[in-house]
C-alpha cells in the first residue's frame, strides 16, 4: 500500500498495479536527465519531463526500469498522471491548516515577535 507521507502513490495500468515514489533521488535524477529545474518544469507540465519523473519515481518504488517513451505512453493512458500528482503533493506537504481550516499566516518581516 502506498504511503503518502513518503511521496508514494500507485495506479493501475494494463491490469497491474504500478507503484511510484517521488523522493529527492527521483527528483534529482529527473532534473539531471532533463537539465531543467523541478519547479520550472512542474509549472509548465511538459510531457517529456513528467515522463522522466514518472520513470524515476517507478524505479525508486522498485518497479522495472523502462524507457522515457514507455513512461510517456503509460502517462498518457490515464491514472498515472493523478498518481504522480498525488506523489508530488505528498513529497511536498503543505502547512497544516489551523483549527478554522485555514493555513497559518506567514510571519511578517521585522524585529522580534508579536505576542
PDB file of N, CA and C in Angstrom:
ATOM      1  N   UNK A   1       0.847  -1.183   0.000  1.00  0.00           N
ATOM      2  CA  UNK A   1       0.000   0.000   0.000  1.00  0.00           C
ATOM      3  C   UNK A   1       0.888   1.241   0.000  1.00  0.00           C
ATOM      4  N   UNK A   2       0.502   2.228  -0.768  1.00  0.00           N
ATOM      5  CA  UNK A   2       1.283   3.465  -0.889  1.00  0.00           C
ATOM      6  C   UNK A   2       1.236   4.264   0.402  1.00  0.00           C
ATOM      7  N   UNK A   3       2.378   4.826   0.783  1.00  0.00           N
ATOM      8  CA  UNK A   3       2.490   5.664   1.972  1.00  0.00           C
ATOM      9  C   UNK A   3       2.605   7.108   1.508  1.00  0.00           C
ATOM     10  N   UNK A   4       1.509   7.860   1.587  1.00  0.00           N
ATOM     11  CA  UNK A   4       1.501   9.241   1.103  1.00  0.00           C
ATOM     12  C   UNK A   4       2.506  10.114   1.824  1.00  0.00           C
ATOM     13  N   UNK A   5       2.821   9.816   3.074  1.00  0.00           N
ATOM     14  CA  UNK A   5       3.772  10.627   3.828  1.00  0.00           C
ATOM     15  C   UNK A   5       5.187  10.511   3.267  1.00  0.00           C
ATOM     16  N   UNK A   6       5.442   9.508   2.454  1.00  0.00           N
ATOM     17  CA  UNK A   6       6.774   9.305   1.866  1.00  0.00           C
ATOM     18  C   UNK A   6       6.807   9.610   0.379  1.00  0.00           C
ATOM     19  N   UNK A   7       5.811  10.279  -0.131  1.00  0.00           N
ATOM     20  CA  UNK A   7       5.777  10.604  -1.556  1.00  0.00           C
ATOM     21  C   UNK A   7       5.451   9.402  -2.418  1.00  0.00           C
ATOM     22  N   UNK A   8       4.685   8.460  -1.870  1.00  0.00           N
ATOM     23  CA  UNK A   8       4.345   7.254  -2.598  1.00  0.00           C
ATOM     24  C   UNK A   8       2.911   7.316  -3.102  1.00  0.00           C
ATOM     25  N   UNK A   9       2.676   6.677  -4.226  1.00  0.00           N
ATOM     26  CA  UNK A   9       1.338   6.559  -4.797  1.00  0.00           C
ATOM     27  C   UNK A   9       1.354   5.340  -5.711  1.00  0.00           C
ATOM     28  N   UNK A  10       0.183   4.941  -6.146  1.00  0.00           N
ATOM     29  CA  UNK A  10       0.104   3.823  -7.086  1.00  0.00           C
ATOM     30  C   UNK A  10      -1.074   4.034  -8.020  1.00  0.00           C
ATOM     31  N   UNK A  11      -1.047   3.321  -9.132  1.00  0.00           N
ATOM     32  CA  UNK A  11      -2.127   3.381 -10.108  1.00  0.00           C
ATOM     33  C   UNK A  11      -2.165   2.055 -10.841  1.00  0.00           C
ATOM     34  N   UNK A  12      -3.237   1.831 -11.579  1.00  0.00           N
ATOM     35  CA  UNK A  12      -3.388   0.588 -12.332  1.00  0.00           C
ATOM     36  C   UNK A  12      -3.202   0.877 -13.814  1.00  0.00           C
ATOM     37  N   UNK A  13      -2.379   0.051 -14.460  1.00  0.00           N
ATOM     38  CA  UNK A  13      -2.134   0.174 -15.902  1.00  0.00           C
ATOM     39  C   UNK A  13      -2.098  -1.230 -16.480  1.00  0.00           C
ATOM     40  N   UNK A  14      -2.887  -1.479 -17.509  1.00  0.00           N
ATOM     41  CA  UNK A  14      -2.972  -2.795 -18.149  1.00  0.00           C
ATOM     42  C   UNK A  14      -3.206  -3.908 -17.131  1.00  0.00           C
ATOM     43  N   UNK A  15      -4.052  -3.641 -16.148  1.00  0.00           N
ATOM     44  CA  UNK A  15      -4.425  -4.664 -15.184  1.00  0.00           C
ATOM     45  C   UNK A  15      -3.439  -4.925 -14.063  1.00  0.00           C
ATOM     46  N   UNK A  16      -2.369  -4.149 -13.979  1.00  0.00           N
ATOM     47  CA  UNK A  16      -1.435  -4.351 -12.870  1.00  0.00           C
ATOM     48  C   UNK A  16      -1.217  -3.047 -12.131  1.00  0.00           C
ATOM     49  N   UNK A  17      -0.951  -3.162 -10.842  1.00  0.00           N
ATOM     50  CA  UNK A  17      -0.711  -2.001 -10.008  1.00  0.00           C
ATOM     51  C   UNK A  17       0.749  -1.592 -10.130  1.00  0.00           C
ATOM     52  N   UNK A  18       0.963  -0.313 -10.408  1.00  0.00           N
ATOM     53  CA  UNK A  18       2.315   0.242 -10.528  1.00  0.00           C
ATOM     54  C   UNK A  18       2.519   1.231  -9.395  1.00  0.00           C
ATOM     55  N   UNK A  19       3.626   1.097  -8.702  1.00  0.00           N
ATOM     56  CA  UNK A  19       3.941   1.974  -7.570  1.00  0.00           C
ATOM     57  C   UNK A  19       4.888   3.083  -7.991  1.00  0.00           C
ATOM     58  N   UNK A  20       4.760   4.229  -7.313  1.00  0.00           N
ATOM     59  CA  UNK A  20       5.624   5.386  -7.531  1.00  0.00           C
ATOM     60  C   UNK A  20       6.164   5.865  -6.199  1.00  0.00           C
ATOM     61  N   UNK A  21       7.378   6.390  -6.207  1.00  0.00           N
ATOM     62  CA  UNK A  21       7.933   7.080  -5.044  1.00  0.00           C
ATOM     63  C   UNK A  21       8.613   8.340  -5.545  1.00  0.00           C
ATOM     64  N   UNK A  22       8.036   9.488  -5.215  1.00  0.00           N
ATOM     65  CA  UNK A  22       8.660  10.762  -5.553  1.00  0.00           C
ATOM     66  C   UNK A  22       9.432  11.198  -4.314  1.00  0.00           C
ATOM     67  N   UNK A  23      10.737  10.923  -4.345  1.00  0.00           N
ATOM     68  CA  UNK A  23      11.624  11.343  -3.260  1.00  0.00           C
ATOM     69  C   UNK A  23      12.735  12.192  -3.874  1.00  0.00           C
ATOM     70  N   UNK A  24      13.654  12.634  -3.046  1.00  0.00           N
ATOM     71  CA  UNK A  24      14.715  13.513  -3.560  1.00  0.00           C
ATOM     72  C   UNK A  24      15.551  12.822  -4.641  1.00  0.00           C
ATOM     73  N   UNK A  25      15.798  11.533  -4.498  1.00  0.00           N
ATOM     74  CA  UNK A  25      16.585  10.815  -5.506  1.00  0.00           C
ATOM     75  C   UNK A  25      15.876  10.846  -6.858  1.00  0.00           C
ATOM     76  N   UNK A  26      14.578  10.574  -6.874  1.00  0.00           N
ATOM     77  CA  UNK A  26      13.823  10.611  -8.132  1.00  0.00           C
ATOM     78  C   UNK A  26      13.821  12.014  -8.724  1.00  0.00           C
ATOM     79  N   UNK A  27      13.647  13.018  -7.871  1.00  0.00           N
ATOM     80  CA  UNK A  27      13.634  14.403  -8.354  1.00  0.00           C
ATOM     81  C   UNK A  27      14.994  14.817  -8.905  1.00  0.00           C
ATOM     82  N   UNK A  28      16.056  14.470  -8.190  1.00  0.00           N
ATOM     83  CA  UNK A  28      17.404  14.828  -8.651  1.00  0.00           C
ATOM     84  C   UNK A  28      17.743  14.141  -9.972  1.00  0.00           C
ATOM     85  N   UNK A  29      17.403  12.871 -10.086  1.00  0.00           N
ATOM     86  CA  UNK A  29      17.685  12.143 -11.332  1.00  0.00           C
ATOM     87  C   UNK A  29      16.894  12.727 -12.504  1.00  0.00           C
ATOM     88  N   UNK A  30      15.635  13.098 -12.246  1.00  0.00           N
ATOM     89  CA  UNK A  30      14.823  13.690 -13.311  1.00  0.00           C
ATOM     90  C   UNK A  30      15.398  15.034 -13.738  1.00  0.00           C
ATOM     91  N   UNK A  31      15.835  15.846 -12.768  1.00  0.00           N
ATOM     92  CA  UNK A  31      16.458  17.133 -13.103  1.00  0.00           C
ATOM     93  C   UNK A  31      17.756  16.922 -13.876  1.00  0.00           C
ATOM     94  N   UNK A  32      18.582  15.966 -13.436  1.00  0.00           N
ATOM     95  CA  UNK A  32      19.835  15.681 -14.140  1.00  0.00           C
ATOM     96  C   UNK A  32      19.583  15.233 -15.575  1.00  0.00           C
ATOM     97  N   UNK A  33      18.596  14.376 -15.758  1.00  0.00           N
ATOM     98  CA  UNK A  33      18.319  13.841 -17.091  1.00  0.00           C
ATOM     99  C   UNK A  33      17.773  14.901 -18.035  1.00  0.00           C
ATOM    100  N   UNK A  34      16.955  15.820 -17.518  1.00  0.00           N
ATOM    101  CA  UNK A  34      16.344  16.829 -18.383  1.00  0.00           C
ATOM    102  C   UNK A  34      17.146  18.114 -18.452  1.00  0.00           C
ATOM    103  N   UNK A  35      18.003  18.353 -17.457  1.00  0.00           N
ATOM    104  CA  UNK A  35      18.757  19.601 -17.421  1.00  0.00           C
ATOM    105  C   UNK A  35      17.912  20.794 -17.024  1.00  0.00           C
ATOM    106  N   UNK A  36      16.753  20.537 -16.471  1.00  0.00           N
ATOM    107  CA  UNK A  36      15.815  21.588 -16.086  1.00  0.00           C
ATOM    108  C   UNK A  36      15.521  21.502 -14.600  1.00  0.00           C
ATOM    109  N   UNK A  37      15.201  22.639 -13.984  1.00  0.00           N
ATOM    110  CA  UNK A  37      14.828  22.677 -12.582  1.00  0.00           C
ATOM    111  C   UNK A  37      13.412  22.190 -12.370  1.00  0.00           C
ATOM    112  N   UNK A  38      13.176  21.564 -11.245  1.00  0.00           N
ATOM    113  CA  UNK A  38      11.887  20.960 -10.944  1.00  0.00           C
ATOM    114  C   UNK A  38      10.736  21.958 -10.978  1.00  0.00           C
ATOM    115  N   UNK A  39      10.859  23.065 -10.278  1.00  0.00           N
ATOM    116  CA  UNK A  39       9.735  23.999 -10.178  1.00  0.00           C
ATOM    117  C   UNK A  39       9.346  24.574 -11.530  1.00  0.00           C
ATOM    118  N   UNK A  40      10.315  24.899 -12.346  1.00  0.00           N
ATOM    119  CA  UNK A  40      10.011  25.432 -13.672  1.00  0.00           C
ATOM    120  C   UNK A  40       9.300  24.387 -14.522  1.00  0.00           C
ATOM    121  N   UNK A  41       9.759  23.146 -14.419  1.00  0.00           N
ATOM    122  CA  UNK A  41       9.157  22.098 -15.235  1.00  0.00           C
ATOM    123  C   UNK A  41       7.757  21.733 -14.778  1.00  0.00           C
ATOM    124  N   UNK A  42       7.544  21.681 -13.480  1.00  0.00           N
ATOM    125  CA  UNK A  42       6.205  21.347 -12.990  1.00  0.00           C
ATOM    126  C   UNK A  42       5.201  22.432 -13.337  1.00  0.00           C
ATOM    127  N   UNK A  43       5.649  23.670 -13.396  1.00  0.00           N
ATOM    128  CA  UNK A  43       4.722  24.745 -13.738  1.00  0.00           C
ATOM    129  C   UNK A  43       4.345  24.708 -15.215  1.00  0.00           C
ATOM    130  N   UNK A  44       5.196  24.163 -16.066  1.00  0.00           N
ATOM    131  CA  UNK A  44       4.858  24.068 -17.481  1.00  0.00           C
ATOM    132  C   UNK A  44       4.228  22.725 -17.821  1.00  0.00           C
ATOM    133  N   UNK A  45       4.406  21.734 -16.952  1.00  0.00           N
ATOM    134  CA  UNK A  45       3.818  20.397 -17.122  1.00  0.00           C
ATOM    135  C   UNK A  45       4.151  19.790 -18.484  1.00  0.00           C
ATOM    136  N   UNK A  46       5.404  19.870 -18.885  1.00  0.00           N
ATOM    137  CA  UNK A  46       5.837  19.262 -20.144  1.00  0.00           C
ATOM    138  C   UNK A  46       5.762  17.749 -20.036  1.00  0.00           C
ATOM    139  N   UNK A  47       5.183  17.107 -21.032  1.00  0.00           N
ATOM    140  CA  UNK A  47       5.007  15.666 -21.028  1.00  0.00           C
ATOM    141  C   UNK A  47       6.350  14.955 -20.922  1.00  0.00           C
ATOM    142  N   UNK A  48       7.367  15.449 -21.618  1.00  0.00           N
ATOM    143  CA  UNK A  48       8.683  14.813 -21.582  1.00  0.00           C
ATOM    144  C   UNK A  48       9.256  14.772 -20.176  1.00  0.00           C
ATOM    145  N   UNK A  49       9.158  15.884 -19.441  1.00  0.00           N
ATOM    146  CA  UNK A  49       9.671  15.898 -18.080  1.00  0.00           C
ATOM    147  C   UNK A  49       8.836  15.009 -17.177  1.00  0.00           C
ATOM    148  N   UNK A  50       7.513  15.078 -17.310  1.00  0.00           N
ATOM    149  CA  UNK A  50       6.659  14.243 -16.470  1.00  0.00           C
ATOM    150  C   UNK A  50       6.923  12.757 -16.720  1.00  0.00           C
ATOM    151  N   UNK A  51       7.217  12.398 -17.971  1.00  0.00           N
ATOM    152  CA  UNK A  51       7.555  11.006 -18.280  1.00  0.00           C
ATOM    153  C   UNK A  51       8.859  10.614 -17.602  1.00  0.00           C
ATOM    154  N   UNK A  52       9.836  11.512 -17.611  1.00  0.00           N
ATOM    155  CA  UNK A  52      11.114  11.240 -16.938  1.00  0.00           C
ATOM    156  C   UNK A  52      10.897  11.097 -15.438  1.00  0.00           C
ATOM    157  N   UNK A  53      10.117  11.997 -14.849  1.00  0.00           N
ATOM    158  CA  UNK A  53       9.848  11.920 -13.417  1.00  0.00           C
ATOM    159  C   UNK A  53       9.075  10.645 -13.084  1.00  0.00           C
ATOM    160  N   UNK A  54       8.086  10.289 -13.910  1.00  0.00           N
ATOM    161  CA  UNK A  54       7.343   9.043 -13.703  1.00  0.00           C
ATOM    162  C   UNK A  54       8.292   7.851 -13.731  1.00  0.00           C
ATOM    163  N   UNK A  55       9.180   7.838 -14.705  1.00  0.00           N
ATOM    164  CA  UNK A  55      10.138   6.733 -14.839  1.00  0.00           C
ATOM    165  C   UNK A  55      11.000   6.599 -13.592  1.00  0.00           C
ATOM    166  N   UNK A  56      11.540   7.708 -13.100  1.00  0.00           N
ATOM    167  CA  UNK A  56      12.401   7.657 -11.917  1.00  0.00           C
ATOM    168  C   UNK A  56      11.605   7.366 -10.645  1.00  0.00           C
ATOM    169  N   UNK A  57      10.371   7.844 -10.574  1.00  0.00           N
ATOM    170  CA  UNK A  57       9.519   7.531  -9.424  1.00  0.00           C
ATOM    171  C   UNK A  57       9.187   6.041  -9.396  1.00  0.00           C
ATOM    172  N   UNK A  58       9.010   5.436 -10.563  1.00  0.00           N
ATOM    173  CA  UNK A  58       8.761   3.996 -10.632  1.00  0.00           C
ATOM    174  C   UNK A  58      10.003   3.221 -10.198  1.00  0.00           C
ATOM    175  N   UNK A  59      11.169   3.655 -10.661  1.00  0.00           N
ATOM    176  CA  UNK A  59      12.422   2.984 -10.285  1.00  0.00           C
ATOM    177  C   UNK A  59      12.624   3.055  -8.772  1.00  0.00           C
ATOM    178  N   UNK A  60      12.380   4.240  -8.183  1.00  0.00           N
ATOM    179  CA  UNK A  60      12.538   4.416  -6.738  1.00  0.00           C
ATOM    180  C   UNK A  60      11.579   3.533  -5.950  1.00  0.00           C
ATOM    181  N   UNK A  61      10.431   3.207  -6.539  1.00  0.00           N
ATOM    182  CA  UNK A  61       9.442   2.354  -5.879  1.00  0.00           C
ATOM    183  C   UNK A  61       9.718   0.872  -6.112  1.00  0.00           C
ATOM    184  N   UNK A  62      10.788   0.570  -6.869  1.00  0.00           N
ATOM    185  CA  UNK A  62      11.148  -0.830  -7.104  1.00  0.00           C
ATOM    186  C   UNK A  62      10.557  -1.440  -8.360  1.00  0.00           C
ATOM    187  N   UNK A  63       9.945  -0.611  -9.200  1.00  0.00           N
ATOM    188  CA  UNK A  63       9.392  -1.104 -10.464  1.00  0.00           C
ATOM    189  C   UNK A  63      10.526  -1.303 -11.469  1.00  0.00           C
ATOM    190  N   UNK A  64      10.252  -2.071 -12.509  1.00  0.00           N
ATOM    191  CA  UNK A  64      11.243  -2.322 -13.554  1.00  0.00           C
ATOM    192  C   UNK A  64      11.544  -1.028 -14.299  1.00  0.00           C
ATOM    193  N   UNK A  65      12.801  -0.872 -14.702  1.00  0.00           N
ATOM    194  CA  UNK A  65      13.198   0.318 -15.450  1.00  0.00           C
ATOM    195  C   UNK A  65      12.600   0.261 -16.849  1.00  0.00           C
ATOM    196  N   UNK A  66      12.130   1.395 -17.342  1.00  0.00           N
ATOM    197  CA  UNK A  66      11.576   1.474 -18.677  1.00  0.00           C
ATOM    198  C   UNK A  66      12.087   2.724 -19.353  1.00  0.00           C
ATOM    199  N   UNK A  67      11.886   2.794 -20.646  1.00  0.00           N
ATOM    200  CA  UNK A  67      12.370   3.950 -21.407  1.00  0.00           C
ATOM    201  C   UNK A  67      11.476   5.158 -21.170  1.00  0.00           C
ATOM    202  N   UNK A  68      11.975   6.307 -21.564  1.00  0.00           N
ATOM    203  CA  UNK A  68      11.200   7.547 -21.468  1.00  0.00           C
ATOM    204  C   UNK A  68       9.941   7.451 -22.331  1.00  0.00           C
ATOM    205  N   UNK A  69      10.064   6.845 -23.517  1.00  0.00           N
ATOM    206  CA  UNK A  69       8.912   6.692 -24.411  1.00  0.00           C
ATOM    207  C   UNK A  69       7.863   5.771 -23.782  1.00  0.00           C
ATOM    208  N   UNK A  70       8.297   4.694 -23.142  1.00  0.00           N
ATOM    209  CA  UNK A  70       7.350   3.796 -22.473  1.00  0.00           C
ATOM    210  C   UNK A  70       6.659   4.512 -21.313  1.00  0.00           C
ATOM    211  N   UNK A  71       7.428   5.308 -20.574  1.00  0.00           N
ATOM    212  CA  UNK A  71       6.845   6.070 -19.466  1.00  0.00           C
ATOM    213  C   UNK A  71       5.828   7.085 -19.992  1.00  0.00           C
ATOM    214  N   UNK A  72       6.125   7.736 -21.115  1.00  0.00           N
ATOM    215  CA  UNK A  72       5.189   8.703 -21.705  1.00  0.00           C
ATOM    216  C   UNK A  72       3.911   8.010 -22.141  1.00  0.00           C
ATOM    217  N   UNK A  73       4.030   6.811 -22.687  1.00  0.00           N
ATOM    218  CA  UNK A  73       2.854   6.049 -23.110  1.00  0.00           C
ATOM    219  C   UNK A  73       1.972   5.711 -21.903  1.00  0.00           C
ATOM    220  N   UNK A  74       2.585   5.286 -20.808  1.00  0.00           N
ATOM    221  CA  UNK A  74       1.838   4.990 -19.581  1.00  0.00           C
ATOM    222  C   UNK A  74       1.213   6.260 -19.040  1.00  0.00           C
ATOM    223  N   UNK A  75       1.961   7.353 -19.075  1.00  0.00           N
ATOM    224  CA  UNK A  75       1.477   8.640 -18.575  1.00  0.00           C
ATOM    225  C   UNK A  75       0.220   9.082 -19.320  1.00  0.00           C
ATOM    226  N   UNK A  76       0.201   8.893 -20.626  1.00  0.00           N
ATOM    227  CA  UNK A  76      -0.919   9.340 -21.441  1.00  0.00           C
ATOM    228  C   UNK A  76      -2.116   8.392 -21.371  1.00  0.00           C
ATOM    229  N   UNK A  77      -1.910   7.175 -20.874  1.00  0.00           N
ATOM    230  CA  UNK A  77      -3.000   6.187 -20.815  1.00  0.00           C
ATOM    231  C   UNK A  77      -4.005   6.505 -19.719  1.00  0.00           C
ATOM    232  N   UNK A  78      -3.607   7.320 -18.752  1.00  0.00           N
ATOM    233  CA  UNK A  78      -4.524   7.682 -17.677  1.00  0.00           C
ATOM    234  C   UNK A  78      -4.196   6.964 -16.384  1.00  0.00           C
ATOM    235  N   UNK A  79      -4.552   7.590 -15.285  1.00  0.00           N
ATOM    236  CA  UNK A  79      -4.280   7.037 -13.967  1.00  0.00           C
ATOM    237  C   UNK A  79      -2.911   7.420 -13.447  1.00  0.00           C
ATOM    238  N   UNK A  80      -1.921   7.393 -14.300  1.00  0.00           N
ATOM    239  CA  UNK A  80      -0.550   7.708 -13.894  1.00  0.00           C
ATOM    240  C   UNK A  80      -0.395   9.186 -13.549  1.00  0.00           C
ATOM    241  N   UNK A  81      -1.041  10.055 -14.303  1.00  0.00           N
ATOM    242  CA  UNK A  81      -0.930  11.498 -14.048  1.00  0.00           C
ATOM    243  C   UNK A  81      -1.434  11.839 -12.647  1.00  0.00           C
ATOM    244  N   UNK A  82      -2.580  11.281 -12.295  1.00  0.00           N
ATOM    245  CA  UNK A  82      -3.154  11.552 -10.984  1.00  0.00           C
ATOM    246  C   UNK A  82      -2.266  10.987  -9.873  1.00  0.00           C
ATOM    247  N   UNK A  83      -1.757   9.776 -10.071  1.00  0.00           N
ATOM    248  CA  UNK A  83      -0.878   9.161  -9.071  1.00  0.00           C
ATOM    249  C   UNK A  83       0.413   9.957  -8.929  1.00  0.00           C
ATOM    250  N   UNK A  84       0.963  10.429 -10.038  1.00  0.00           N
ATOM    251  CA  UNK A  84       2.183  11.230  -9.990  1.00  0.00           C
ATOM    252  C   UNK A  84       1.918  12.541  -9.257  1.00  0.00           C
ATOM    253  N   UNK A  85       0.794  13.180  -9.536  1.00  0.00           N
ATOM    254  CA  UNK A  85       0.428  14.408  -8.835  1.00  0.00           C
ATOM    255  C   UNK A  85       0.262  14.145  -7.331  1.00  0.00           C
ATOM    256  N   UNK A  86      -0.382  13.030  -6.977  1.00  0.00           N
ATOM    257  CA  UNK A  86      -0.546  12.679  -5.559  1.00  0.00           C
ATOM    258  C   UNK A  86       0.803  12.463  -4.882  1.00  0.00           C
ATOM    259  N   UNK A  87       1.710  11.788  -5.575  1.00  0.00           N
ATOM    260  CA  UNK A  87       3.042  11.522  -5.012  1.00  0.00           C
ATOM    261  C   UNK A  87       3.826  12.822  -4.846  1.00  0.00           C
ATOM    262  N   UNK A  88       3.731  13.726  -5.812  1.00  0.00           N
ATOM    263  CA  UNK A  88       4.412  15.026  -5.713  1.00  0.00           C
ATOM    264  C   UNK A  88       3.837  15.823  -4.555  1.00  0.00           C
ATOM    265  N   UNK A  89       2.507  15.847  -4.453  1.00  0.00           N
ATOM    266  CA  UNK A  89       1.868  16.556  -3.341  1.00  0.00           C
ATOM    267  C   UNK A  89       2.312  15.987  -1.998  1.00  0.00           C
ATOM    268  N   UNK A  90       2.430  14.677  -1.921  1.00  0.00           N
ATOM    269  CA  UNK A  90       2.857  14.027  -0.677  1.00  0.00           C
ATOM    270  C   UNK A  90       4.319  14.312  -0.366  1.00  0.00           C
ATOM    271  N   UNK A  91       5.129  14.459  -1.404  1.00  0.00           N
ATOM    272  CA  UNK A  91       6.552  14.740  -1.203  1.00  0.00           C
ATOM    273  C   UNK A  91       6.784  16.160  -0.711  1.00  0.00           C
ATOM    274  N   UNK A  92       5.847  17.054  -1.011  1.00  0.00           N
ATOM    275  CA  UNK A  92       5.935  18.446  -0.594  1.00  0.00           C
ATOM    276  C   UNK A  92       4.665  18.841   0.142  1.00  0.00           C
ATOM    277  N   UNK A  93       4.462  18.339   1.371  1.00  0.00           N
ATOM    278  CA  UNK A  93       3.213  18.631   2.078  1.00  0.00           C
ATOM    279  C   UNK A  93       3.080  20.115   2.402  1.00  0.00           C
ATOM    280  N   UNK A  94       1.869  20.593   2.342  1.00  0.00           N
ATOM    281  CA  UNK A  94       1.573  21.994   2.686  1.00  0.00           C
ATOM    282  C   UNK A  94       1.544  22.128   4.197  1.00  0.00           C
ATOM    283  N   UNK A  95       1.547  23.361   4.656  1.00  0.00           N
ATOM    284  CA  UNK A  95       1.452  23.619   6.090  1.00  0.00           C
ATOM    285  C   UNK A  95       0.135  23.072   6.611  1.00  0.00           C
ATOM    286  N   UNK A  96       0.148  22.599   7.851  1.00  0.00           N
ATOM    287  CA  UNK A  96      -1.066  22.084   8.473  1.00  0.00           C
ATOM    288  C   UNK A  96      -2.084  23.214   8.616  1.00  0.00           C
ATOM    289  N   UNK A  97      -3.351  22.959   8.265  1.00  0.00           N
ATOM    290  CA  UNK A  97      -4.347  24.001   8.431  1.00  0.00           C
ATOM    291  C   UNK A  97      -4.630  24.248   9.907  1.00  0.00           C
ATOM    292  N   UNK A  98      -5.056  25.466  10.218  1.00  0.00           N
ATOM    293  CA  UNK A  98      -5.402  25.813  11.594  1.00  0.00           C
ATOM    294  C   UNK A  98      -6.754  25.205  11.946  1.00  0.00           C
ATOM    295  N   UNK A  99      -7.189  25.404  13.170  1.00  0.00           N
ATOM    296  CA  UNK A  99      -8.471  24.866  13.614  1.00  0.00           C
ATOM    297  C   UNK A  99      -9.629  25.395  12.770  1.00  0.00           C
ATOM    298  N   UNK A 100      -9.490  26.592  12.218  1.00  0.00           N
ATOM    299  CA  UNK A 100     -10.543  27.175  11.382  1.00  0.00           C
ATOM    300  C   UNK A 100     -10.470  26.672   9.945  1.00  0.00           C
ATOM    301  N   UNK A 101      -9.524  25.791   9.650  1.00  0.00           N
ATOM    302  CA  UNK A 101      -9.389  25.250   8.309  1.00  0.00           C
ATOM    303  C   UNK A 101      -8.550  26.093   7.381  1.00  0.00           C
ATOM    304  N   UNK A 102      -7.863  27.111   7.914  1.00  0.00           N
ATOM    305  CA  UNK A 102      -7.022  27.978   7.099  1.00  0.00           C
ATOM    306  C   UNK A 102      -5.564  27.683   7.408  1.00  0.00           C
ATOM    307  N   UNK A 103      -4.720  27.831   6.418  1.00  0.00           N
ATOM    308  CA  UNK A 103      -3.281  27.662   6.632  1.00  0.00           C
ATOM    309  C   UNK A 103      -2.797  28.784   7.546  1.00  0.00           C
ATOM    310  N   UNK A 104      -1.803  28.502   8.395  1.00  0.00           N
ATOM    311  CA  UNK A 104      -1.301  29.554   9.281  1.00  0.00           C
ATOM    312  C   UNK A 104      -0.741  30.731   8.496  1.00  0.00           C
ATOM    313  N   UNK A 105      -0.882  31.923   9.044  1.00  0.00           N
ATOM    314  CA  UNK A 105      -0.375  33.126   8.386  1.00  0.00           C
ATOM    315  C   UNK A 105       1.143  33.114   8.383  1.00  0.00           C
ATOM    316  N   UNK A 106       1.726  33.663   7.333  1.00  0.00           N
ATOM    317  CA  UNK A 106       3.177  33.766   7.252  1.00  0.00           C
ATOM    318  C   UNK A 106       3.654  34.853   8.204  1.00  0.00           C
ATOM    319  N   UNK A 107       4.826  34.623   8.757  1.00  0.00           N
ATOM    320  CA  UNK A 107       5.410  35.626   9.659  1.00  0.00           C
ATOM    321  C   UNK A 107       5.784  36.864   8.861  1.00  0.00           C
ATOM    322  N   UNK A 108       5.588  38.019   9.437  1.00  0.00           N
ATOM    323  CA  UNK A 108       5.940  39.267   8.777  1.00  0.00           C
ATOM    324  C   UNK A 108       7.381  39.601   9.073  1.00  0.00           C
ATOM    325  N   UNK A 109       8.022  40.232   8.123  1.00  0.00           N
ATOM    326  CA  UNK A 109       9.412  40.641   8.318  1.00  0.00           C
ATOM    327  C   UNK A 109       9.475  41.720   9.388  1.00  0.00           C
ATOM    328  N   UNK A 110      10.487  41.684  10.207  1.00  0.00           N
ATOM    329  CA  UNK A 110      10.646  42.698  11.232  1.00  0.00           C
ATOM    330  C   UNK A 110      11.487  42.166  12.373  1.00  0.00           C
ATOM    331  N   UNK A 111      11.623  42.963  13.391  1.00  0.00           N
ATOM    332  CA  UNK A 111      12.427  42.591  14.543  1.00  0.00           C
ATOM    333  C   UNK A 111      11.506  42.103  15.648  1.00  0.00           C
ATOM    334  N   UNK A 112      11.890  41.004  16.257  1.00  0.00           N
ATOM    335  CA  UNK A 112      11.115  40.482  17.379  1.00  0.00           C
ATOM    336  C   UNK A 112       9.881  39.740  16.938  1.00  0.00           C
ATOM    337  N   UNK A 113       9.104  39.337  17.912  1.00  0.00           N
ATOM    338  CA  UNK A 113       7.875  38.605  17.618  1.00  0.00           C
ATOM    339  C   UNK A 113       6.680  39.339  18.220  1.00  0.00           C
ATOM    340  N   UNK A 114       5.550  39.142  17.614  1.00  0.00           N
ATOM    341  CA  UNK A 114       4.316  39.757  18.093  1.00  0.00           C
ATOM    342  C   UNK A 114       3.631  38.758  19.001  1.00  0.00           C
ATOM    343  N   UNK A 115       3.281  39.189  20.207  1.00  0.00           N
ATOM    344  CA  UNK A 115       2.629  38.296  21.170  1.00  0.00           C
ATOM    345  C   UNK A 115       1.175  38.533  21.243  1.00  0.00           C
TER     346      UNK A 115
END
